[in-house]
Each structure stands twice: as structure tokens, then as C-alpha cells.
Full PDB file with SEQRES, HELIX, SHEET, SSBOND, CRYST1, ORIGX, SCALE, CONECT and MASTER records, all heavy atoms in Angstrom:
SEQRES   1 A   30  LEU HIS TRP ILE GLY LEU ALA GLU ALA ARG ALA LEU ASP          
SEQRES   2 A   30  LEU PRO PHE ILE THR GLU VAL VAL LEU ALA GLU ALA GLU          
SEQRES   3 A   30  ALA VAL LEU ARG                                              
HELIX    1 AA1 LEU A    6  ARG A   10  1                                   5    
HELIX    2 AA2 PHE A   16  LEU A   29  1                                  14    
CRYST1    1.000    1.000    1.000  90.00  90.00  90.00 P 1           1          
ORIGX1      1.000000  0.000000  0.000000        0.00000                         
ORIGX2      0.000000  1.000000  0.000000        0.00000                         
ORIGX3      0.000000  0.000000  1.000000        0.00000                         
SCALE1      1.000000  0.000000  0.000000        0.00000                         
SCALE2      0.000000  1.000000  0.000000        0.00000                         
SCALE3      0.000000  0.000000  1.000000        0.00000                         
ATOM      1  N   LEU A   1      89.636 -79.682  53.911  1.00  0.00           N  
ATOM      2  CA  LEU A   1      90.518 -79.775  52.818  1.00  0.00           C  
ATOM      3  C   LEU A   1      90.909 -81.152  52.678  1.00  0.00           C  
ATOM      4  O   LEU A   1      91.447 -81.801  53.681  1.00  0.00           O  
ATOM      5  CB  LEU A   1      91.705 -78.912  52.910  1.00  0.00           C  
ATOM      6  CG  LEU A   1      91.414 -77.411  52.611  1.00  0.00           C  
ATOM      7  CD1 LEU A   1      92.575 -76.545  53.101  1.00  0.00           C  
ATOM      8  CD2 LEU A   1      91.338 -77.158  51.034  1.00  0.00           C  
ATOM      9  N   HIS A   2      90.891 -81.820  51.509  1.00  0.00           N  
ATOM     10  CA  HIS A   2      91.254 -83.104  51.393  1.00  0.00           C  
ATOM     11  C   HIS A   2      91.394 -83.544  49.745  1.00  0.00           C  
ATOM     12  O   HIS A   2      90.784 -82.861  48.940  1.00  0.00           O  
ATOM     13  CB  HIS A   2      90.256 -84.058  51.967  1.00  0.00           C  
ATOM     14  CG  HIS A   2      88.838 -84.211  51.507  1.00  0.00           C  
ATOM     15  ND1 HIS A   2      88.043 -82.993  51.478  1.00  0.00           N  
ATOM     16  CD2 HIS A   2      88.231 -85.287  50.867  1.00  0.00           C  
ATOM     17  CE1 HIS A   2      86.863 -83.329  50.925  1.00  0.00           C  
ATOM     18  NE2 HIS A   2      87.061 -84.710  50.581  1.00  0.00           N  
ATOM     19  N   TRP A   3      92.106 -84.548  49.621  1.00  0.00           N  
ATOM     20  CA  TRP A   3      92.235 -85.121  48.292  1.00  0.00           C  
ATOM     21  C   TRP A   3      91.089 -86.205  48.096  1.00  0.00           C  
ATOM     22  O   TRP A   3      91.070 -87.108  48.900  1.00  0.00           O  
ATOM     23  CB  TRP A   3      93.641 -85.769  48.068  1.00  0.00           C  
ATOM     24  CG  TRP A   3      94.654 -84.656  48.037  1.00  0.00           C  
ATOM     25  CD1 TRP A   3      95.512 -84.466  49.121  1.00  0.00           C  
ATOM     26  CD2 TRP A   3      95.182 -83.867  46.997  1.00  0.00           C  
ATOM     27  NE1 TRP A   3      96.429 -83.386  48.746  1.00  0.00           N  
ATOM     28  CE2 TRP A   3      96.245 -83.135  47.534  1.00  0.00           C  
ATOM     29  CE3 TRP A   3      94.747 -83.783  45.632  1.00  0.00           C  
ATOM     30  CZ2 TRP A   3      96.933 -82.248  46.647  1.00  0.00           C  
ATOM     31  CZ3 TRP A   3      95.395 -82.799  44.882  1.00  0.00           C  
ATOM     32  CH2 TRP A   3      96.455 -82.011  45.368  1.00  0.00           C  
ATOM     33  N   ILE A   4      90.441 -86.213  46.965  1.00  0.00           N  
ATOM     34  CA  ILE A   4      89.424 -87.207  46.732  1.00  0.00           C  
ATOM     35  C   ILE A   4      89.437 -87.580  45.371  1.00  0.00           C  
ATOM     36  O   ILE A   4      89.595 -86.759  44.417  1.00  0.00           O  
ATOM     37  CB  ILE A   4      88.029 -86.489  47.205  1.00  0.00           C  
ATOM     38  CG1 ILE A   4      86.907 -87.485  47.043  1.00  0.00           C  
ATOM     39  CG2 ILE A   4      87.701 -85.265  46.399  1.00  0.00           C  
ATOM     40  CD1 ILE A   4      85.531 -86.983  47.666  1.00  0.00           C  
ATOM     41  N   GLY A   5      89.013 -88.857  45.022  1.00  0.00           N  
ATOM     42  CA  GLY A   5      88.970 -89.350  43.680  1.00  0.00           C  
ATOM     43  C   GLY A   5      87.910 -88.693  42.850  1.00  0.00           C  
ATOM     44  O   GLY A   5      86.935 -88.127  43.389  1.00  0.00           O  
ATOM     45  N   LEU A   6      88.160 -88.609  41.590  1.00  0.00           N  
ATOM     46  CA  LEU A   6      87.216 -87.772  40.773  1.00  0.00           C  
ATOM     47  C   LEU A   6      85.761 -88.324  40.774  1.00  0.00           C  
ATOM     48  O   LEU A   6      84.805 -87.557  40.784  1.00  0.00           O  
ATOM     49  CB  LEU A   6      87.657 -87.884  39.249  1.00  0.00           C  
ATOM     50  CG  LEU A   6      89.093 -87.234  39.019  1.00  0.00           C  
ATOM     51  CD1 LEU A   6      89.421 -87.412  37.585  1.00  0.00           C  
ATOM     52  CD2 LEU A   6      89.149 -85.864  39.464  1.00  0.00           C  
ATOM     53  N   ALA A   7      85.616 -89.665  40.751  1.00  0.00           N  
ATOM     54  CA  ALA A   7      84.226 -90.177  40.921  1.00  0.00           C  
ATOM     55  C   ALA A   7      83.682 -89.832  42.277  1.00  0.00           C  
ATOM     56  O   ALA A   7      82.446 -89.534  42.290  1.00  0.00           O  
ATOM     57  CB  ALA A   7      84.365 -91.633  40.598  1.00  0.00           C  
ATOM     58  N   GLU A   8      84.408 -90.050  43.305  1.00  0.00           N  
ATOM     59  CA  GLU A   8      83.838 -89.881  44.644  1.00  0.00           C  
ATOM     60  C   GLU A   8      83.556 -88.395  44.863  1.00  0.00           C  
ATOM     61  O   GLU A   8      82.505 -88.000  45.565  1.00  0.00           O  
ATOM     62  CB  GLU A   8      84.903 -90.242  45.794  1.00  0.00           C  
ATOM     63  CG  GLU A   8      85.152 -91.835  45.819  1.00  0.00           C  
ATOM     64  CD  GLU A   8      86.140 -92.305  44.671  1.00  0.00           C  
ATOM     65  OE1 GLU A   8      86.608 -91.455  43.968  1.00  0.00           O  
ATOM     66  OE2 GLU A   8      86.260 -93.492  44.611  1.00  0.00           O  
ATOM     67  N   ALA A   9      84.250 -87.489  44.152  1.00  0.00           N  
ATOM     68  CA  ALA A   9      83.903 -86.107  44.414  1.00  0.00           C  
ATOM     69  C   ALA A   9      82.570 -85.636  43.904  1.00  0.00           C  
ATOM     70  O   ALA A   9      82.010 -84.678  44.452  1.00  0.00           O  
ATOM     71  CB  ALA A   9      84.907 -85.125  43.638  1.00  0.00           C  
ATOM     72  N   ARG A  10      82.051 -86.414  43.058  1.00  0.00           N  
ATOM     73  CA  ARG A  10      80.695 -86.052  42.518  1.00  0.00           C  
ATOM     74  C   ARG A  10      79.669 -86.330  43.543  1.00  0.00           C  
ATOM     75  O   ARG A  10      78.527 -85.745  43.455  1.00  0.00           O  
ATOM     76  CB  ARG A  10      80.359 -86.842  41.153  1.00  0.00           C  
ATOM     77  CG  ARG A  10      81.407 -86.505  40.056  1.00  0.00           C  
ATOM     78  CD  ARG A  10      80.734 -87.062  38.739  1.00  0.00           C  
ATOM     79  NE  ARG A  10      81.643 -86.709  37.650  1.00  0.00           N  
ATOM     80  CZ  ARG A  10      82.671 -87.420  37.192  1.00  0.00           C  
ATOM     81  NH1 ARG A  10      83.005 -88.554  37.907  1.00  0.00           N  
ATOM     82  NH2 ARG A  10      83.426 -87.000  36.179  1.00  0.00           N  
ATOM     83  N   ALA A  11      79.889 -87.138  44.460  1.00  0.00           N  
ATOM     84  CA  ALA A  11      78.934 -87.385  45.593  1.00  0.00           C  
ATOM     85  C   ALA A  11      78.926 -86.254  46.678  1.00  0.00           C  
ATOM     86  O   ALA A  11      78.077 -86.330  47.465  1.00  0.00           O  
ATOM     87  CB  ALA A  11      79.242 -88.758  46.305  1.00  0.00           C  
ATOM     88  N   LEU A  12      79.844 -85.443  46.509  1.00  0.00           N  
ATOM     89  CA  LEU A  12      79.873 -84.265  47.450  1.00  0.00           C  
ATOM     90  C   LEU A  12      78.832 -83.174  47.127  1.00  0.00           C  
ATOM     91  O   LEU A  12      78.240 -83.215  46.097  1.00  0.00           O  
ATOM     92  CB  LEU A  12      81.312 -83.497  47.512  1.00  0.00           C  
ATOM     93  CG  LEU A  12      82.482 -84.355  47.841  1.00  0.00           C  
ATOM     94  CD1 LEU A  12      83.686 -83.570  47.740  1.00  0.00           C  
ATOM     95  CD2 LEU A  12      82.431 -84.862  49.360  1.00  0.00           C  
ATOM     96  N   ASP A  13      78.524 -82.243  48.033  1.00  0.00           N  
ATOM     97  CA  ASP A  13      77.601 -81.105  47.783  1.00  0.00           C  
ATOM     98  C   ASP A  13      78.337 -80.142  46.954  1.00  0.00           C  
ATOM     99  O   ASP A  13      78.956 -79.205  47.578  1.00  0.00           O  
ATOM    100  CB  ASP A  13      77.112 -80.597  49.128  1.00  0.00           C  
ATOM    101  CG  ASP A  13      75.936 -79.579  48.929  1.00  0.00           C  
ATOM    102  OD1 ASP A  13      75.506 -79.426  47.658  1.00  0.00           O  
ATOM    103  OD2 ASP A  13      75.605 -78.952  49.826  1.00  0.00           O  
ATOM    104  N   LEU A  14      78.172 -80.274  45.588  1.00  0.00           N  
ATOM    105  CA  LEU A  14      78.930 -79.373  44.692  1.00  0.00           C  
ATOM    106  C   LEU A  14      77.944 -78.301  44.021  1.00  0.00           C  
ATOM    107  O   LEU A  14      76.859 -78.742  43.747  1.00  0.00           O  
ATOM    108  CB  LEU A  14      79.613 -80.178  43.619  1.00  0.00           C  
ATOM    109  CG  LEU A  14      80.559 -81.297  43.850  1.00  0.00           C  
ATOM    110  CD1 LEU A  14      81.009 -82.139  42.798  1.00  0.00           C  
ATOM    111  CD2 LEU A  14      81.788 -80.832  44.840  1.00  0.00           C  
ATOM    112  N   PRO A  15      78.495 -77.054  43.876  1.00  0.00           N  
ATOM    113  CA  PRO A  15      77.786 -76.263  42.978  1.00  0.00           C  
ATOM    114  C   PRO A  15      77.746 -76.870  41.546  1.00  0.00           C  
ATOM    115  O   PRO A  15      78.582 -77.583  41.075  1.00  0.00           O  
ATOM    116  CB  PRO A  15      78.649 -74.938  42.911  1.00  0.00           C  
ATOM    117  CG  PRO A  15      79.565 -75.112  44.041  1.00  0.00           C  
ATOM    118  CD  PRO A  15      79.726 -76.494  44.334  1.00  0.00           C  
ATOM    119  N   PHE A  16      76.711 -76.474  40.722  1.00  0.00           N  
ATOM    120  CA  PHE A  16      76.528 -77.055  39.520  1.00  0.00           C  
ATOM    121  C   PHE A  16      77.744 -76.826  38.554  1.00  0.00           C  
ATOM    122  O   PHE A  16      78.258 -77.725  37.890  1.00  0.00           O  
ATOM    123  CB  PHE A  16      75.276 -76.469  38.642  1.00  0.00           C  
ATOM    124  CG  PHE A  16      75.194 -76.674  37.242  1.00  0.00           C  
ATOM    125  CD1 PHE A  16      74.907 -77.845  36.672  1.00  0.00           C  
ATOM    126  CD2 PHE A  16      75.665 -75.727  36.291  1.00  0.00           C  
ATOM    127  CE1 PHE A  16      74.966 -78.161  35.306  1.00  0.00           C  
ATOM    128  CE2 PHE A  16      75.511 -75.884  35.090  1.00  0.00           C  
ATOM    129  CZ  PHE A  16      75.220 -77.177  34.525  1.00  0.00           C  
ATOM    130  N   ILE A  17      78.244 -75.564  38.584  1.00  0.00           N  
ATOM    131  CA  ILE A  17      79.494 -75.268  37.759  1.00  0.00           C  
ATOM    132  C   ILE A  17      80.648 -76.145  38.128  1.00  0.00           C  
ATOM    133  O   ILE A  17      81.485 -76.495  37.293  1.00  0.00           O  
ATOM    134  CB  ILE A  17      79.766 -73.782  37.776  1.00  0.00           C  
ATOM    135  CG1 ILE A  17      80.546 -73.339  36.490  1.00  0.00           C  
ATOM    136  CG2 ILE A  17      80.465 -73.347  38.943  1.00  0.00           C  
ATOM    137  CD1 ILE A  17      79.888 -73.623  35.270  1.00  0.00           C  
ATOM    138  N   THR A  18      80.821 -76.469  39.419  1.00  0.00           N  
ATOM    139  CA  THR A  18      81.947 -77.268  39.948  1.00  0.00           C  
ATOM    140  C   THR A  18      81.824 -78.695  39.260  1.00  0.00           C  
ATOM    141  O   THR A  18      82.830 -79.285  38.883  1.00  0.00           O  
ATOM    142  CB  THR A  18      81.945 -77.296  41.291  1.00  0.00           C  
ATOM    143  OG1 THR A  18      82.166 -75.944  41.997  1.00  0.00           O  
ATOM    144  CG2 THR A  18      83.280 -78.118  41.861  1.00  0.00           C  
ATOM    145  N   GLU A  19      80.613 -79.149  39.257  1.00  0.00           N  
ATOM    146  CA  GLU A  19      80.374 -80.540  38.637  1.00  0.00           C  
ATOM    147  C   GLU A  19      80.843 -80.464  37.167  1.00  0.00           C  
ATOM    148  O   GLU A  19      81.497 -81.324  36.716  1.00  0.00           O  
ATOM    149  CB  GLU A  19      78.878 -80.822  38.782  1.00  0.00           C  
ATOM    150  CG  GLU A  19      78.415 -81.090  40.114  1.00  0.00           C  
ATOM    151  CD  GLU A  19      76.940 -81.652  40.029  1.00  0.00           C  
ATOM    152  OE1 GLU A  19      76.693 -82.420  39.256  1.00  0.00           O  
ATOM    153  OE2 GLU A  19      76.188 -81.112  40.933  1.00  0.00           O  
ATOM    154  N   VAL A  20      80.429 -79.324  36.477  1.00  0.00           N  
ATOM    155  CA  VAL A  20      80.823 -79.239  35.093  1.00  0.00           C  
ATOM    156  C   VAL A  20      82.376 -79.163  34.854  1.00  0.00           C  
ATOM    157  O   VAL A  20      82.912 -79.820  33.958  1.00  0.00           O  
ATOM    158  CB  VAL A  20      80.067 -78.078  34.455  1.00  0.00           C  
ATOM    159  CG1 VAL A  20      80.407 -78.006  32.993  1.00  0.00           C  
ATOM    160  CG2 VAL A  20      78.615 -78.266  34.552  1.00  0.00           C  
ATOM    161  N   VAL A  21      82.930 -78.349  35.685  1.00  0.00           N  
ATOM    162  CA  VAL A  21      84.407 -78.229  35.520  1.00  0.00           C  
ATOM    163  C   VAL A  21      85.083 -79.436  35.883  1.00  0.00           C  
ATOM    164  O   VAL A  21      86.145 -79.872  35.270  1.00  0.00           O  
ATOM    165  CB  VAL A  21      84.840 -77.125  36.471  1.00  0.00           C  
ATOM    166  CG1 VAL A  21      86.332 -76.989  36.513  1.00  0.00           C  
ATOM    167  CG2 VAL A  21      84.273 -75.756  36.085  1.00  0.00           C  
ATOM    168  N   LEU A  22      84.550 -80.278  36.933  1.00  0.00           N  
ATOM    169  CA  LEU A  22      85.166 -81.551  37.211  1.00  0.00           C  
ATOM    170  C   LEU A  22      85.091 -82.524  36.079  1.00  0.00           C  
ATOM    171  O   LEU A  22      86.182 -83.132  35.745  1.00  0.00           O  
ATOM    172  CB  LEU A  22      84.456 -82.126  38.465  1.00  0.00           C  
ATOM    173  CG  LEU A  22      85.062 -83.305  39.212  1.00  0.00           C  
ATOM    174  CD1 LEU A  22      86.412 -82.813  39.856  1.00  0.00           C  
ATOM    175  CD2 LEU A  22      84.133 -83.789  40.297  1.00  0.00           C  
ATOM    176  N   ALA A  23      84.063 -82.466  35.236  1.00  0.00           N  
ATOM    177  CA  ALA A  23      83.914 -83.409  34.187  1.00  0.00           C  
ATOM    178  C   ALA A  23      84.888 -82.895  33.096  1.00  0.00           C  
ATOM    179  O   ALA A  23      85.501 -83.851  32.392  1.00  0.00           O  
ATOM    180  CB  ALA A  23      82.623 -83.431  33.628  1.00  0.00           C  
ATOM    181  N   GLU A  24      85.158 -81.694  32.900  1.00  0.00           N  
ATOM    182  CA  GLU A  24      86.054 -81.196  31.827  1.00  0.00           C  
ATOM    183  C   GLU A  24      87.456 -81.472  32.191  1.00  0.00           C  
ATOM    184  O   GLU A  24      88.243 -81.890  31.363  1.00  0.00           O  
ATOM    185  CB  GLU A  24      85.817 -79.665  31.652  1.00  0.00           C  
ATOM    186  CG  GLU A  24      86.709 -79.022  30.581  1.00  0.00           C  
ATOM    187  CD  GLU A  24      86.154 -79.404  29.263  1.00  0.00           C  
ATOM    188  OE1 GLU A  24      85.122 -79.957  29.047  1.00  0.00           O  
ATOM    189  OE2 GLU A  24      87.037 -79.354  28.242  1.00  0.00           O  
ATOM    190  N   ALA A  25      87.730 -81.341  33.471  1.00  0.00           N  
ATOM    191  CA  ALA A  25      89.096 -81.717  33.950  1.00  0.00           C  
ATOM    192  C   ALA A  25      89.415 -83.201  33.703  1.00  0.00           C  
ATOM    193  O   ALA A  25      90.543 -83.513  33.270  1.00  0.00           O  
ATOM    194  CB  ALA A  25      89.351 -81.249  35.441  1.00  0.00           C  
ATOM    195  N   GLU A  26      88.389 -84.045  34.028  1.00  0.00           N  
ATOM    196  CA  GLU A  26      88.568 -85.346  33.764  1.00  0.00           C  
ATOM    197  C   GLU A  26      88.764 -85.639  32.230  1.00  0.00           C  
ATOM    198  O   GLU A  26      89.704 -86.569  31.959  1.00  0.00           O  
ATOM    199  CB  GLU A  26      87.392 -86.150  34.256  1.00  0.00           C  
ATOM    200  CG  GLU A  26      87.529 -87.682  34.180  1.00  0.00           C  
ATOM    201  CD  GLU A  26      86.426 -88.516  34.824  1.00  0.00           C  
ATOM    202  OE1 GLU A  26      85.509 -87.768  35.412  1.00  0.00           O  
ATOM    203  OE2 GLU A  26      86.538 -89.715  34.870  1.00  0.00           O  
ATOM    204  N   ALA A  27      88.117 -85.025  31.423  1.00  0.00           N  
ATOM    205  CA  ALA A  27      88.361 -85.170  30.014  1.00  0.00           C  
ATOM    206  C   ALA A  27      89.678 -84.861  29.562  1.00  0.00           C  
ATOM    207  O   ALA A  27      90.479 -85.496  28.756  1.00  0.00           O  
ATOM    208  CB  ALA A  27      87.331 -84.426  29.222  1.00  0.00           C  
ATOM    209  N   VAL A  28      90.149 -83.789  30.078  1.00  0.00           N  
ATOM    210  CA  VAL A  28      91.530 -83.346  29.765  1.00  0.00           C  
ATOM    211  C   VAL A  28      92.567 -84.314  30.205  1.00  0.00           C  
ATOM    212  O   VAL A  28      93.520 -84.638  29.578  1.00  0.00           O  
ATOM    213  CB  VAL A  28      91.837 -81.813  30.349  1.00  0.00           C  
ATOM    214  CG1 VAL A  28      93.292 -81.510  30.137  1.00  0.00           C  
ATOM    215  CG2 VAL A  28      90.902 -80.796  29.644  1.00  0.00           C  
ATOM    216  N   LEU A  29      92.385 -84.887  31.452  1.00  0.00           N  
ATOM    217  CA  LEU A  29      93.380 -85.783  31.927  1.00  0.00           C  
ATOM    218  C   LEU A  29      93.439 -87.050  31.139  1.00  0.00           C  
ATOM    219  O   LEU A  29      94.372 -87.614  30.964  1.00  0.00           O  
ATOM    220  CB  LEU A  29      92.948 -86.059  33.407  1.00  0.00           C  
ATOM    221  CG  LEU A  29      93.168 -84.998  34.497  1.00  0.00           C  
ATOM    222  CD1 LEU A  29      92.586 -85.406  35.781  1.00  0.00           C  
ATOM    223  CD2 LEU A  29      94.790 -84.657  34.618  1.00  0.00           C  
ATOM    224  N   ARG A  30      92.180 -87.420  30.694  1.00  0.00           N  
ATOM    225  CA  ARG A  30      91.997 -88.715  29.990  1.00  0.00           C  
ATOM    226  C   ARG A  30      92.482 -88.543  28.508  1.00  0.00           C  
ATOM    227  O   ARG A  30      93.205 -89.480  27.948  1.00  0.00           O  
ATOM    228  CB  ARG A  30      90.517 -89.200  29.939  1.00  0.00           C  
ATOM    229  CG  ARG A  30      90.426 -90.540  29.447  1.00  0.00           C  
ATOM    230  CD  ARG A  30      88.924 -90.925  29.449  1.00  0.00           C  
ATOM    231  NE  ARG A  30      88.317 -90.901  30.756  1.00  0.00           N  
ATOM    232  CZ  ARG A  30      88.487 -91.783  31.649  1.00  0.00           C  
ATOM    233  NH1 ARG A  30      89.159 -92.897  31.374  1.00  0.00           N  
ATOM    234  NH2 ARG A  30      87.914 -91.694  32.805  1.00  0.00           N  
TER     235      ARG A  30                                                      
MASTER        0    0    0    2    0    0    0    6  234    1    0    3          
END                                                                             
């Protein structure tokens, strides 16, 4: 468990849907 920057998180081994949700969350934040 850890806090990670949005860009750095994409380098992790993510399920496809997690990648998509991460992008959507970034859009909402921005």
C-alpha cells in the first residue's frame, strides 16, 4: 500500500480497467 503520483502509477502492473479509471479520475481532478 502506498501513495503514488498519477503518472508514475501508470508504470505499475495495472488491470486495463484500472488504467482507464485512473485517466478518468485525472480528468475530473483537472
